[in-house]
C-alpha atoms as a PDB file:
ATOM      1  CA  MET A   1      17.004  16.591 -14.899  1.00  0.00           C
ATOM      2  CA  SER A   2      15.179  13.511 -13.635  1.00  0.00           C
ATOM      3  CA  LYS A   3      11.437  13.226 -13.376  1.00  0.00           C
ATOM      4  CA  VAL A   4       9.791  14.091 -10.041  1.00  0.00           C
ATOM      5  CA  VAL A   5       6.829  11.869  -9.201  1.00  0.00           C
ATOM      6  CA  ARG A   6       4.240  12.949  -6.666  1.00  0.00           C
ATOM      7  CA  LEU A   7       1.146  11.108  -5.535  1.00  0.00           C
ATOM      8  CA  ARG A   8      -2.082  12.901  -4.592  1.00  0.00           C
ATOM      9  CA  SER A   9      -4.212  11.054  -2.040  1.00  0.00           C
ATOM     10  CA  SER A  10      -8.003  10.955  -2.033  1.00  0.00           C
ATOM     11  CA  ASN A  11      -8.005  13.759   0.545  1.00  0.00           C
ATOM     12  CA  ASN A  12      -5.722  15.886  -1.688  1.00  0.00           C
ATOM     13  CA  GLU A  13      -2.493  15.499   0.275  1.00  0.00           C
ATOM     14  CA  VAL A  14       0.531  15.294  -2.035  1.00  0.00           C
ATOM     15  CA  PHE A  15       3.451  12.953  -1.349  1.00  0.00           C
ATOM     16  CA  GLU A  16       6.751  12.579  -3.129  1.00  0.00           C
ATOM     17  CA  ALA A  17       6.818   9.004  -4.405  1.00  0.00           C
ATOM     18  CA  ALA A  18       9.656   6.934  -2.990  1.00  0.00           C
ATOM     19  CA  GLU A  19      11.677   5.129  -5.662  1.00  0.00           C
ATOM     20  CA  CYS A  20      10.712   1.807  -4.083  1.00  0.00           C
ATOM     21  CA  MET A  21       7.006   2.649  -4.531  1.00  0.00           C
ATOM     22  CA  ILE A  22       7.551   3.291  -8.224  1.00  0.00           C
ATOM     23  CA  THR A  23       9.531   0.079  -8.609  1.00  0.00           C
ATOM     24  CA  MET A  24       6.934  -2.049  -6.806  1.00  0.00           C
ATOM     25  CA  SER A  25       3.749  -0.581  -8.334  1.00  0.00           C
ATOM     26  CA  LYS A  26       2.772  -1.493 -11.882  1.00  0.00           C
ATOM     27  CA  THR A  27      -0.054   1.056 -11.731  1.00  0.00           C
ATOM     28  CA  ILE A  28       2.238   3.955 -10.801  1.00  0.00           C
ATOM     29  CA  ARG A  29       4.762   2.985 -13.501  1.00  0.00           C
ATOM     30  CA  THR A  30       1.987   2.858 -16.108  1.00  0.00           C
ATOM     31  CA  MET A  31       0.723   6.295 -15.084  1.00  0.00           C
ATOM     32  CA  ILE A  32       4.255   7.748 -15.194  1.00  0.00           C
ATOM     33  CA  ASN A  33       4.631   6.520 -18.771  1.00  0.00           C
ATOM     34  CA  ARG A  34       1.557   8.539 -19.761  1.00  0.00           C
ATOM     35  CA  PHE A  35       3.425  11.713 -18.773  1.00  0.00           C
ATOM     36  CA  GLN A  36       6.578  11.053 -20.793  1.00  0.00           C
ATOM     37  CA  ASP A  37       7.497  14.681 -21.458  1.00  0.00           C
ATOM     38  CA  ASP A  38       6.622  16.126 -18.049  1.00  0.00           C
ATOM     39  CA  GLN A  39       9.398  16.741 -15.523  1.00  0.00           C
ATOM     40  CA  VAL A  40       6.969  16.819 -12.597  1.00  0.00           C
ATOM     41  CA  VAL A  41       4.208  14.237 -12.544  1.00  0.00           C
ATOM     42  CA  ILE A  42       1.347  14.336 -10.054  1.00  0.00           C
ATOM     43  CA  ILE A  43      -0.625  11.114 -10.037  1.00  0.00           C
ATOM     44  CA  PRO A  44      -4.088  11.225  -8.449  1.00  0.00           C
ATOM     45  CA  LEU A  45      -4.868   8.167  -6.328  1.00  0.00           C
ATOM     46  CA  GLU A  46      -8.575   8.632  -5.736  1.00  0.00           C
ATOM     47  CA  ARG A  47      -8.968   5.391  -3.776  1.00  0.00           C
ATOM     48  CA  VAL A  48      -6.085   5.889  -1.330  1.00  0.00           C
ATOM     49  CA  ASP A  49      -6.254   8.237   1.663  1.00  0.00           C
ATOM     50  CA  SER A  50      -3.170  10.047   2.950  1.00  0.00           C
ATOM     51  CA  LYS A  51      -2.759   7.885   6.056  1.00  0.00           C
ATOM     52  CA  THR A  52      -2.734   4.700   3.977  1.00  0.00           C
ATOM     53  CA  LEU A  53      -0.433   6.233   1.365  1.00  0.00           C
ATOM     54  CA  ALA A  54       2.057   7.248   4.064  1.00  0.00           C
ATOM     55  CA  THR A  55       1.956   3.717   5.481  1.00  0.00           C
ATOM     56  CA  VAL A  56       2.520   2.211   2.012  1.00  0.00           C
ATOM     57  CA  ARG A  57       5.544   4.458   1.559  1.00  0.00           C
ATOM     58  CA  GLU A  58       6.908   3.453   4.979  1.00  0.00           C
ATOM     59  CA  TRP A  59       6.298  -0.251   4.239  1.00  0.00           C
ATOM     60  CA  CYS A  60       8.113   0.031   0.893  1.00  0.00           C
ATOM     61  CA  GLU A  61      11.097   1.764   2.468  1.00  0.00           C
ATOM     62  CA  ASN A  62      11.224  -0.843   5.259  1.00  0.00           C
ATOM     63  CA  HIS A  63      10.882  -3.650   2.720  1.00  0.00           C
ATOM     64  CA  VAL A  64      13.944  -2.432   0.844  1.00  0.00           C
ATOM     65  CA  THR A  65      16.177  -1.479   3.782  1.00  0.00           C
ATOM     66  CA  LYS A  66      15.155  -3.513   6.834  1.00  0.00           C
ATOM     67  CA  SER A  67      15.557  -7.128   7.890  1.00  0.00           C
ATOM     68  CA  THR A  68      12.653  -9.560   7.652  1.00  0.00           C
ATOM     69  CA  GLN A  69      12.306  -9.380  11.444  1.00  0.00           C
ATOM     70  CA  LYS A  70      11.980  -5.553  11.347  1.00  0.00           C
ATOM     71  CA  GLN A  71       9.393  -5.818   8.565  1.00  0.00           C
ATOM     72  CA  HIS A  72       7.425  -8.310  10.667  1.00  0.00           C
ATOM     73  CA  GLN A  73       7.575  -5.970  13.677  1.00  0.00           C
ATOM     74  CA  PHE A  74       6.302  -3.078  11.548  1.00  0.00           C
ATOM     75  CA  VAL A  75       3.289  -5.089  10.360  1.00  0.00           C
ATOM     76  CA  GLU A  76       2.608  -6.464  13.861  1.00  0.00           C
ATOM     77  CA  GLY A  77       2.193  -2.877  15.056  1.00  0.00           C
ATOM     78  CA  LEU A  78      -0.680  -2.243  12.627  1.00  0.00           C
ATOM     79  CA  ASP A  79      -4.303  -2.987  13.454  1.00  0.00           C
ATOM     80  CA  VAL A  80      -6.480  -5.167  11.236  1.00  0.00           C
ATOM     81  CA  ASP A  81      -8.311  -2.202   9.666  1.00  0.00           C
ATOM     82  CA  VAL A  82      -4.980  -0.753   8.516  1.00  0.00           C
ATOM     83  CA  LEU A  83      -3.914  -4.148   7.126  1.00  0.00           C
ATOM     84  CA  LEU A  84      -7.160  -4.330   5.147  1.00  0.00           C
ATOM     85  CA  HIS A  85      -6.684  -0.793   3.784  1.00  0.00           C
ATOM     86  CA  LEU A  86      -3.134  -1.731   2.779  1.00  0.00           C
ATOM     87  CA  LEU A  87      -4.377  -4.891   1.067  1.00  0.00           C
ATOM     88  CA  ASN A  88      -6.980  -2.911  -0.897  1.00  0.00           C
ATOM     89  CA  THR A  89      -4.323  -0.346  -1.816  1.00  0.00           C
ATOM     90  CA  ALA A  90      -1.927  -3.096  -2.898  1.00  0.00           C
ATOM     91  CA  ASN A  91      -4.614  -4.404  -5.248  1.00  0.00           C
ATOM     92  CA  TYR A  92      -5.402  -0.908  -6.561  1.00  0.00           C
ATOM     93  CA  LEU A  93      -1.723  -0.062  -7.157  1.00  0.00           C
ATOM     94  CA  ASP A  94      -0.854  -3.568  -8.376  1.00  0.00           C
ATOM     95  CA  MET A  95       1.834  -4.077  -5.721  1.00  0.00           C
ATOM     96  CA  LYS A  96       2.232  -7.858  -5.490  1.00  0.00           C
ATOM     97  CA  GLU A  97       4.754  -7.934  -2.639  1.00  0.00           C
ATOM     98  CA  LEU A  98       2.688  -5.610  -0.447  1.00  0.00           C
ATOM     99  CA  GLY A  99      -0.476  -7.590  -1.184  1.00  0.00           C
ATOM    100  CA  ASP A 100       1.198 -10.910  -0.382  1.00  0.00           C
ATOM    101  CA  HIS A 101       2.596  -9.529   2.874  1.00  0.00           C
ATOM    102  CA  MET A 102      -0.784  -8.125   3.939  1.00  0.00           C
ATOM    103  CA  ARG A 103      -2.610 -11.385   3.109  1.00  0.00           C
ATOM    104  CA  GLU A 104      -0.086 -13.308   5.224  1.00  0.00           C
ATOM    105  CA  ALA A 105      -0.439 -10.847   8.108  1.00  0.00           C
ATOM    106  CA  ILE A 106      -4.247 -10.968   8.002  1.00  0.00           C
ATOM    107  CA  ALA A 107      -4.212 -14.785   7.866  1.00  0.00           C
ATOM    108  CA  GLU A 108      -1.848 -14.931  10.863  1.00  0.00           C
ATOM    109  CA  ARG A 109      -4.121 -12.607  12.842  1.00  0.00           C
ATOM    110  CA  ALA A 110      -7.192 -14.648  11.917  1.00  0.00           C
ATOM    111  CA  GLN A 111      -5.514 -17.859  13.068  1.00  0.00           C
ATOM    112  CA  ARG A 112      -4.775 -16.291  16.445  1.00  0.00           C
ATOM    113  CA  LYS A 113      -8.357 -15.234  17.047  1.00  0.00           C
ATOM    114  CA  ALA A 114     -11.450 -17.277  17.614  1.00  0.00           C
ATOM    115  CA  LEU A 115     -13.969 -16.866  14.806  1.00  0.00           C
ATOM    116  CA  GLU A 116     -16.410 -14.995  17.023  1.00  0.00           C
ATOM    117  CA  GLU A 117     -13.735 -12.365  17.778  1.00  0.00           C
ATOM    118  CA  ILE A 118     -13.354 -11.420  14.109  1.00  0.00           C
ATOM    119  CA  ASP A 119     -15.647  -8.609  12.991  1.00  0.00           C
ATOM    120  CA  PRO A 120     -17.285  -9.864   9.764  1.00  0.00           C
ATOM    121  CA  ARG A 121     -17.781  -6.251   8.623  1.00  0.00           C
ATOM    122  CA  SER A 122     -13.998  -6.017   8.228  1.00  0.00           C
ATOM    123  CA  PHE A 123     -13.996  -8.424   5.317  1.00  0.00           C
ATOM    124  CA  HIS A 124     -15.432  -7.341   1.999  1.00  0.00           C
ATOM    125  CA  ALA A 125     -16.380 -10.091  -0.411  1.00  0.00           C
ATOM    126  CA  THR A 126     -17.808  -9.730  -3.872  1.00  0.00           C
ATOM    127  CA  VAL A 127     -20.279 -12.365  -5.014  1.00  0.00           C
ATOM    128  CA  PHE A 128     -20.265 -13.012  -8.736  1.00  0.00           C
END
């Protein structure tokens, strides 16, 4: 029997992890390894809400099965707030490909807008 991996969002919704999510996320793989003997693993993702988690799953599945053009269309349909949530989630889950794609999408959007059209509250910077 193979291991079943489920992800619990910050608002307690449980999702079955897609194989592509496990493959792409170093964080999820590390957590799975902590439950070596368990057949069903439920991983709490306290920083990821269910809407974002569902979008990550959809992005991963599209990334594996769809053309580059279809992937671009998927991301184009998302608003900037969603892109930023996905970028934060990519960092949290250590998903390099998702993070790279979101950074590119955000940069493209920023280039298309005049600086005064961009809401500075959307960007979170940490000063060290």
